[in-house]
Amino acid sequence: MLYYQKGERLITPWEVSEDIDYKETMEKFGIKPFKDILNKLETPHRLMRRGVIFGHRDFENIVECIRGGKRFAVVSGMMPSGRMHFGHKMVVDQLIYYQNYNAEIYIPIADLEAYWARGIDFERIKKLAVEEYITNYIALGLTLKNTRIYLQSQNSVVKDLALKLAKRVNLSEMKAIYGFSGETNIGHIFAPIIQVADILHPQLEERMPVLVPVGIDQDPHIRLTRDIAGRCKEYNFIHPSSTYHRFMTGLTGGKMSSSKEETAIFLSDKPSEELRKKVMSCKTGGRETLEDHRKYGGVPEKCVVYELYLYHLVDDDRELREIYERCRSGDLTCGRCKKLCYEKLTEFLKDLNERREVAREQAWEILR
């Protein structure tokens, strides 16, 4: 389990404290800074360039594949529990980036974990996965070539491997990693072993590097997978690589969440007065008064609107830098900045919603 020493703040795959100390967590669990490997990529993704992807384990293996045109796999699971928001979009952006380097993409739908850990029934999770997540993945630009999307409950290869791998870990270790208590049901305890099998099973077909792009809350799964991979000498697994990206801040502060409508902009949102109000009420890094803002400048590092530009809405680094500098100088006021953000969101969501209509039919075909 990931605990901060200061105040016992918690990060697990199912619960995350809002005030995350990324640097401390990296040092505690041996995650390397991504900036140290950035210059080895000829064309890094914008999330890499901008420090949103901040850490890695063994990404050198993936760099070698990218630079040498070698095969590798990327595994990115989903556990749909609500509407897909801009925080989720980060993962899709990364999958598309790696797909451009001919990576094999594996997308397990964690219906077993959803059932065991969150009590969501199988039909609901399937419907959410198709109509909300897979539809958006396709609409955002993920191609289905070299992409394998599957339900955990329907993948016999993954389930069989999980049963074999379960012998390589004991209950004490699972409690130490995840903090399971005596009240935890056995299915929930077994769910991480299914995820280990999700990550390792591509190597059953072909021994090749596997990358898992995740938020820091998923690192317990990565560490468990790497430990088990090392114990399974008969499979000769390559230890999976991983990258770690920052969480998006919610519109009102804290963490963006599917369960809290006011904290997120959803990919299925449409341009509307309600959306405009969301944007105009965003937490910003502006000063208390317009006079102070013009005098002292804003603090874009603390601004949710600037974060939307940084992560998603501004591709051009020069344009982003201009917004940053105008905010810092006090020239760009929060009201004008929010209006610009709403305009960019409107353009993006209008285009995405049109593509969603076409993508929805494709999405249902995948899991029929």
Protein backbone atom coordinates (compact mmCIF):
# COMPACT_ATOMS: atom_id res chain seq x y z
CA MET A 1 0.00 0.00 0.00
CA LEU A 2 1.18 3.55 -0.63
CA TYR A 3 1.17 5.65 2.52
CA TYR A 4 2.66 9.09 2.97
CA GLN A 5 4.53 9.44 6.22
CA LYS A 6 3.08 12.93 6.73
CA GLY A 7 -0.50 12.62 7.95
CA GLU A 8 -0.95 9.02 6.74
CA ARG A 9 -2.30 10.12 3.36
CA LEU A 10 -3.31 7.19 1.25
CA ILE A 11 -3.02 6.00 -2.35
CA THR A 12 -4.43 2.65 -3.43
CA PRO A 13 -6.08 1.57 -6.71
CA TRP A 14 -9.47 2.21 -5.06
CA GLU A 15 -8.84 5.25 -2.86
CA VAL A 16 -6.68 8.32 -3.42
CA SER A 17 -5.93 11.26 -1.14
CA GLU A 18 -6.29 14.61 -2.90
CA ASP A 19 -2.97 16.14 -1.76
CA ILE A 20 -0.54 13.77 -3.46
CA ASP A 21 3.19 14.30 -3.04
CA TYR A 22 4.49 12.88 -6.32
CA LYS A 23 8.17 13.42 -5.51
CA GLU A 24 7.96 11.69 -2.15
CA THR A 25 6.07 8.75 -3.63
CA MET A 26 8.63 8.37 -6.42
CA GLU A 27 11.50 8.31 -3.95
CA LYS A 28 9.76 5.87 -1.62
CA PHE A 29 8.96 3.30 -4.31
CA GLY A 30 11.87 3.69 -6.72
CA ILE A 31 10.06 5.36 -9.63
CA LYS A 32 12.52 7.13 -11.96
CA PRO A 33 11.96 10.71 -13.21
CA PHE A 34 10.68 10.68 -16.79
CA LYS A 35 12.56 13.87 -17.64
CA ASP A 36 15.83 11.90 -17.44
CA ILE A 37 14.83 9.79 -20.44
CA LEU A 38 12.85 12.38 -22.40
CA ASN A 39 15.72 13.31 -24.74
CA LYS A 40 16.00 9.72 -25.95
CA LEU A 41 12.68 10.10 -27.80
CA GLU A 42 12.81 11.86 -31.15
CA THR A 43 9.18 12.96 -30.96
CA PRO A 44 7.88 12.78 -27.38
CA HIS A 45 4.17 13.16 -26.73
CA ARG A 46 3.05 16.55 -25.41
CA LEU A 47 2.21 14.97 -22.03
CA MET A 48 5.83 13.85 -21.84
CA ARG A 49 7.24 17.21 -22.92
CA ARG A 50 5.10 19.10 -20.44
CA GLY A 51 5.87 16.97 -17.39
CA VAL A 52 2.36 15.50 -17.05
CA ILE A 53 4.00 12.09 -17.48
CA PHE A 54 6.49 12.43 -14.65
CA GLY A 55 7.87 8.97 -13.83
CA HIS A 56 8.65 5.53 -15.21
CA ARG A 57 9.90 2.02 -14.58
CA ASP A 58 12.08 0.46 -17.30
CA PHE A 59 10.84 2.77 -20.04
CA GLU A 60 14.27 2.28 -21.62
CA ASN A 61 12.92 -1.00 -23.03
CA ILE A 62 10.13 0.86 -24.82
CA VAL A 63 12.47 3.56 -26.11
CA GLU A 64 14.61 0.83 -27.66
CA CYS A 65 11.54 -0.59 -29.42
CA ILE A 66 10.39 2.82 -30.67
CA ARG A 67 13.81 3.79 -31.98
CA GLY A 68 14.55 0.38 -33.47
CA GLY A 69 11.11 -0.34 -34.94
CA LYS A 70 10.71 -3.39 -32.69
CA ARG A 71 7.42 -4.86 -31.54
CA PHE A 72 6.02 -4.06 -28.11
CA ALA A 73 2.65 -4.13 -26.38
CA VAL A 74 0.76 -1.53 -24.39
CA VAL A 75 -1.80 -2.66 -21.80
CA SER A 76 -4.33 -0.18 -20.44
CA GLY A 77 -7.30 -1.51 -18.51
CA MET A 78 -10.59 0.25 -17.91
CA MET A 79 -13.13 -0.17 -15.13
CA PRO A 80 -16.07 1.95 -16.24
CA SER A 81 -18.06 3.16 -13.25
CA GLY A 82 -19.50 6.35 -14.71
CA ARG A 83 -19.17 8.86 -17.53
CA MET A 84 -15.78 9.35 -19.18
CA HIS A 85 -14.17 12.74 -18.46
CA PHE A 86 -11.09 14.64 -19.59
CA GLY A 87 -8.95 12.93 -16.95
CA HIS A 88 -9.62 9.60 -18.69
CA LYS A 89 -8.75 11.11 -22.07
CA MET A 90 -5.06 11.27 -21.07
CA VAL A 91 -4.77 7.49 -21.31
CA VAL A 92 -6.37 7.37 -24.76
CA ASP A 93 -4.01 10.07 -26.00
CA GLN A 94 -1.08 7.92 -24.92
CA LEU A 95 -2.46 4.78 -26.56
CA ILE A 96 -2.84 6.65 -29.86
CA TYR A 97 0.75 7.90 -29.56
CA TYR A 98 2.11 4.36 -29.11
CA GLN A 99 -0.20 3.02 -31.81
CA ASN A 100 1.65 5.31 -34.22
CA TYR A 101 4.76 3.22 -33.46
CA ASN A 102 2.91 -0.01 -34.32
CA ALA A 103 2.42 -1.11 -30.73
CA GLU A 104 0.00 -3.94 -29.99
CA ILE A 105 -2.75 -2.39 -27.84
CA TYR A 106 -4.53 -4.49 -25.19
CA ILE A 107 -7.53 -3.01 -23.39
CA PRO A 108 -8.99 -5.29 -20.71
CA ILE A 109 -12.39 -4.27 -19.37
CA ALA A 110 -12.19 -5.01 -15.65
CA ASP A 111 -15.70 -6.39 -15.19
CA LEU A 112 -14.49 -8.98 -12.66
CA GLU A 113 -12.85 -6.30 -10.53
CA ALA A 114 -15.90 -4.05 -10.88
CA TYR A 115 -18.12 -6.89 -9.66
CA TRP A 116 -15.87 -7.93 -6.76
CA ALA A 117 -14.60 -4.53 -5.60
CA ARG A 118 -17.47 -2.16 -6.41
CA GLY A 119 -20.53 -4.37 -6.68
CA ILE A 120 -21.33 -3.38 -10.28
CA ASP A 121 -23.17 -6.10 -12.20
CA PHE A 122 -21.73 -7.53 -15.42
CA GLU A 123 -24.40 -6.22 -17.80
CA ARG A 124 -24.07 -2.66 -16.51
CA ILE A 125 -20.30 -2.67 -16.79
CA LYS A 126 -20.51 -4.01 -20.35
CA LYS A 127 -23.01 -1.33 -21.38
CA LEU A 128 -20.93 1.44 -19.80
CA ALA A 129 -17.76 0.08 -21.41
CA VAL A 130 -19.30 0.08 -24.88
CA GLU A 131 -21.52 3.15 -24.92
CA GLU A 132 -19.26 5.43 -22.91
CA TYR A 133 -15.66 4.25 -22.98
CA ILE A 134 -15.02 2.25 -26.16
CA THR A 135 -17.17 4.68 -28.14
CA ASN A 136 -15.04 7.58 -26.91
CA TYR A 137 -11.78 5.70 -27.49
CA ILE A 138 -12.69 5.25 -31.15
CA ALA A 139 -14.07 8.79 -31.52
CA LEU A 140 -10.84 10.21 -30.07
CA GLY A 141 -8.85 8.44 -32.78
CA LEU A 142 -7.83 5.00 -31.50
CA THR A 143 -7.88 2.60 -34.46
CA LEU A 144 -9.03 -0.98 -34.03
CA LYS A 145 -6.15 -2.39 -36.04
CA ASN A 146 -3.72 -4.17 -33.67
CA THR A 147 -6.10 -3.38 -30.79
CA ARG A 148 -7.60 -6.10 -28.62
CA ILE A 149 -10.47 -5.15 -26.32
CA TYR A 150 -11.92 -7.84 -24.08
CA LEU A 151 -13.97 -8.48 -20.97
CA GLN A 152 -11.92 -10.11 -18.21
CA SER A 153 -14.78 -12.51 -17.48
CA GLN A 154 -14.78 -13.71 -21.12
CA ASN A 155 -11.02 -14.15 -21.62
CA SER A 156 -10.11 -17.73 -20.73
CA VAL A 157 -6.38 -17.20 -21.43
CA VAL A 158 -6.24 -14.40 -18.85
CA LYS A 159 -8.29 -16.33 -16.27
CA ASP A 160 -6.21 -19.50 -16.69
CA LEU A 161 -2.97 -17.56 -16.33
CA ALA A 162 -4.30 -15.78 -13.23
CA LEU A 163 -5.06 -19.14 -11.59
CA LYS A 164 -1.49 -20.27 -12.21
CA LEU A 165 0.06 -16.99 -11.08
CA ALA A 166 -1.98 -16.99 -7.85
CA LYS A 167 0.35 -19.68 -6.52
CA ARG A 168 3.23 -17.16 -6.64
CA VAL A 169 1.79 -14.80 -3.99
CA ASN A 170 0.37 -15.24 -0.50
CA LEU A 171 -2.27 -13.46 1.58
CA SER A 172 0.26 -11.65 3.77
CA GLU A 173 1.86 -10.07 0.71
CA MET A 174 -1.51 -8.99 -0.68
CA LYS A 175 -2.41 -7.38 2.64
CA ALA A 176 0.94 -5.59 2.78
CA ILE A 177 0.56 -4.19 -0.74
CA TYR A 178 -3.13 -3.29 -0.74
CA GLY A 179 -4.11 -3.04 2.91
CA PHE A 180 -6.85 -5.66 2.63
CA SER A 181 -8.65 -6.31 5.90
CA GLY A 182 -10.63 -9.22 7.28
CA GLU A 183 -13.77 -7.62 5.84
CA THR A 184 -12.48 -7.76 2.25
CA ASN A 185 -14.21 -10.37 0.08
CA ILE A 186 -12.01 -12.99 -1.59
CA GLY A 187 -12.95 -11.82 -5.07
CA HIS A 188 -11.60 -8.34 -4.33
CA ILE A 189 -8.35 -9.88 -3.06
CA PHE A 190 -8.06 -11.99 -6.21
CA ALA A 191 -8.81 -9.07 -8.57
CA PRO A 192 -5.18 -7.80 -8.65
CA ILE A 193 -4.04 -11.26 -9.79
CA ILE A 194 -6.39 -10.96 -12.78
CA GLN A 195 -4.74 -7.62 -13.55
CA VAL A 196 -1.30 -9.22 -13.32
CA ALA A 197 -2.48 -11.75 -15.91
CA ASP A 198 -3.87 -8.91 -18.09
CA ILE A 199 -0.42 -7.31 -18.12
CA LEU A 200 1.65 -10.46 -18.65
CA HIS A 201 -0.51 -12.51 -21.02
CA PRO A 202 0.59 -10.70 -24.25
CA GLN A 203 3.98 -12.35 -23.72
CA LEU A 204 2.40 -15.80 -23.95
CA GLU A 205 2.05 -15.21 -27.71
CA GLU A 206 5.36 -13.42 -28.20
CA ARG A 207 8.05 -12.46 -25.71
CA MET A 208 8.25 -8.69 -26.05
CA PRO A 209 8.33 -5.60 -23.82
CA VAL A 210 5.00 -4.52 -22.36
CA LEU A 211 4.20 -0.97 -21.25
CA VAL A 212 1.47 0.01 -18.80
CA PRO A 213 0.67 3.77 -18.67
CA VAL A 214 -1.04 4.55 -15.36
CA GLY A 215 -1.70 7.07 -12.63
CA ILE A 216 0.36 6.70 -9.46
CA ASP A 217 -2.59 5.00 -7.70
CA GLN A 218 -2.08 1.93 -9.88
CA ASP A 219 1.59 1.41 -8.91
CA PRO A 220 0.75 -1.38 -6.42
CA HIS A 221 -0.47 -3.43 -9.41
CA ILE A 222 2.75 -2.69 -11.31
CA ARG A 223 4.98 -3.68 -8.39
CA LEU A 224 3.03 -6.89 -7.79
CA THR A 225 3.19 -7.77 -11.50
CA ARG A 226 6.93 -7.18 -11.67
CA ASP A 227 7.50 -9.29 -8.56
CA ILE A 228 5.40 -12.18 -9.88
CA ALA A 229 7.03 -11.96 -13.32
CA GLY A 230 10.41 -12.42 -11.67
CA ARG A 231 9.22 -15.50 -9.78
CA CYS A 232 7.84 -17.26 -12.87
CA LYS A 233 11.10 -18.51 -14.37
CA GLU A 234 9.26 -21.04 -16.52
CA TYR A 235 7.61 -18.24 -18.54
CA ASN A 236 10.74 -16.10 -18.96
CA PHE A 237 8.65 -12.92 -18.75
CA ILE A 238 10.21 -9.53 -19.41
CA HIS A 239 9.39 -7.29 -16.44
CA PRO A 240 6.65 -4.86 -17.58
CA SER A 241 7.52 -1.20 -18.03
CA SER A 242 5.29 1.59 -16.75
CA THR A 243 4.83 5.33 -16.98
CA TYR A 244 3.05 7.55 -14.45
CA HIS A 245 0.93 10.60 -15.21
CA ARG A 246 -0.49 13.23 -12.92
CA PHE A 247 -4.15 13.32 -12.00
CA MET A 248 -6.22 16.14 -13.40
CA THR A 249 -7.50 18.64 -10.87
CA GLY A 250 -11.28 18.86 -10.51
CA LEU A 251 -12.95 22.04 -11.72
CA THR A 252 -13.53 23.17 -8.14
CA GLY A 253 -10.24 21.80 -6.80
CA GLY A 254 -9.41 18.31 -5.52
CA LYS A 255 -9.49 15.34 -7.90
CA MET A 256 -11.62 15.10 -11.05
CA SER A 257 -14.27 12.41 -10.52
CA SER A 258 -16.97 10.70 -12.59
CA SER A 259 -19.20 10.51 -9.52
CA LYS A 260 -19.12 14.27 -8.85
CA GLU A 261 -20.72 16.13 -11.75
CA GLU A 262 -19.43 19.52 -10.66
CA THR A 263 -15.76 18.42 -10.67
CA ALA A 264 -15.45 17.28 -14.29
CA ILE A 265 -16.01 18.09 -17.94
CA PHE A 266 -17.27 14.91 -19.58
CA LEU A 267 -16.53 13.82 -23.12
CA SER A 268 -20.25 13.41 -23.75
CA ASP A 269 -20.97 17.00 -22.66
CA LYS A 270 -22.38 19.26 -25.34
CA PRO A 271 -21.83 23.00 -25.75
CA SER A 272 -24.47 24.56 -23.51
CA GLU A 273 -25.15 27.19 -20.90
CA GLU A 274 -24.54 24.54 -18.23
CA LEU A 275 -21.09 23.80 -19.65
CA ARG A 276 -20.31 27.50 -19.87
CA LYS A 277 -21.23 27.92 -16.20
CA LYS A 278 -18.94 25.01 -15.31
CA VAL A 279 -16.01 26.66 -17.05
CA MET A 280 -16.74 30.12 -15.67
CA SER A 281 -16.84 28.74 -12.11
CA CYS A 282 -13.51 26.89 -12.41
CA LYS A 283 -10.92 27.39 -9.70
CA THR A 284 -8.16 29.62 -11.07
CA GLY A 285 -4.77 31.00 -10.12
CA GLY A 286 -5.98 34.56 -10.41
CA ARG A 287 -5.65 37.22 -7.70
CA GLU A 288 -8.52 38.29 -5.45
CA THR A 289 -9.14 41.52 -7.34
CA LEU A 290 -8.67 42.58 -10.95
CA GLU A 291 -6.35 45.36 -9.78
CA ASP A 292 -4.10 42.88 -7.92
CA HIS A 293 -4.14 40.49 -10.88
CA ARG A 294 -2.92 43.16 -13.26
CA LYS A 295 -0.33 44.30 -10.73
CA TYR A 296 1.07 40.96 -9.53
CA GLY A 297 -0.01 38.56 -12.27
CA GLY A 298 -1.73 35.20 -11.97
CA VAL A 299 -0.40 31.79 -10.93
CA PRO A 300 -1.13 29.38 -13.83
CA GLU A 301 0.37 26.45 -11.89
CA LYS A 302 -2.66 26.65 -9.57
CA CYS A 303 -5.24 27.21 -12.32
CA VAL A 304 -7.65 24.50 -13.51
CA VAL A 305 -8.26 26.36 -16.78
CA TYR A 306 -4.55 26.45 -17.58
CA GLU A 307 -4.38 22.75 -16.73
CA LEU A 308 -7.04 22.05 -19.36
CA TYR A 309 -4.83 23.86 -21.89
CA LEU A 310 -1.72 22.04 -20.69
CA TYR A 311 -3.20 18.53 -20.80
CA HIS A 312 -5.68 18.73 -23.68
CA LEU A 313 -6.76 21.91 -25.41
CA VAL A 314 -3.55 23.48 -26.71
CA ASP A 315 -1.28 21.34 -28.90
CA ASP A 316 1.15 24.10 -29.85
CA ASP A 317 3.82 24.64 -27.17
CA ARG A 318 4.36 28.24 -28.29
CA GLU A 319 0.68 29.06 -27.88
CA LEU A 320 0.70 27.44 -24.45
CA ARG A 321 3.76 29.44 -23.43
CA GLU A 322 2.08 32.66 -24.57
CA ILE A 323 -0.99 31.92 -22.43
CA TYR A 324 1.28 31.14 -19.48
CA GLU A 325 3.31 34.35 -19.82
CA ARG A 326 0.25 36.56 -20.33
CA CYS A 327 -1.28 35.11 -17.17
CA ARG A 328 1.93 35.61 -15.18
CA SER A 329 2.23 39.20 -16.37
CA GLY A 330 -1.39 40.01 -15.50
CA ASP A 331 -2.26 40.84 -19.09
CA LEU A 332 -4.63 37.88 -19.45
CA THR A 333 -7.46 38.11 -16.94
CA CYS A 334 -9.32 35.07 -15.63
CA GLY A 335 -12.58 36.07 -17.29
CA ARG A 336 -11.00 36.35 -20.74
CA CYS A 337 -9.05 33.13 -20.19
CA LYS A 338 -12.18 31.20 -19.20
CA LYS A 339 -14.00 32.52 -22.27
CA LEU A 340 -11.14 31.29 -24.49
CA CYS A 341 -11.23 27.92 -22.72
CA TYR A 342 -14.98 27.57 -23.31
CA GLU A 343 -14.51 28.38 -27.00
CA LYS A 344 -11.82 25.69 -27.34
CA LEU A 345 -13.95 23.17 -25.43
CA THR A 346 -16.97 23.94 -27.58
CA GLU A 347 -15.01 23.32 -30.77
CA PHE A 348 -13.49 20.10 -29.41
CA LEU A 349 -16.72 18.64 -28.00
CA LYS A 350 -18.78 19.49 -31.07
CA ASP A 351 -16.36 17.58 -33.27
CA LEU A 352 -16.06 14.69 -30.80
CA ASN A 353 -19.83 14.27 -30.45
CA GLU A 354 -20.19 14.00 -34.22
CA ARG A 355 -17.56 11.26 -34.30
CA ARG A 356 -19.14 9.50 -31.32
CA GLU A 357 -22.29 8.82 -33.34
CA VAL A 358 -20.27 6.88 -35.92
CA ALA A 359 -18.06 5.19 -33.30
CA ARG A 360 -20.93 3.83 -31.19
CA GLU A 361 -21.95 1.22 -33.75
CA GLN A 362 -18.34 0.05 -34.11
CA ALA A 363 -18.02 -0.20 -30.34
CA TRP A 364 -20.97 -2.59 -30.00
CA GLU A 365 -19.55 -4.84 -32.71
CA ILE A 366 -16.38 -5.42 -30.64
CA LEU A 367 -18.16 -7.14 -27.74
CA ARG A 368 -21.07 -8.84 -29.53
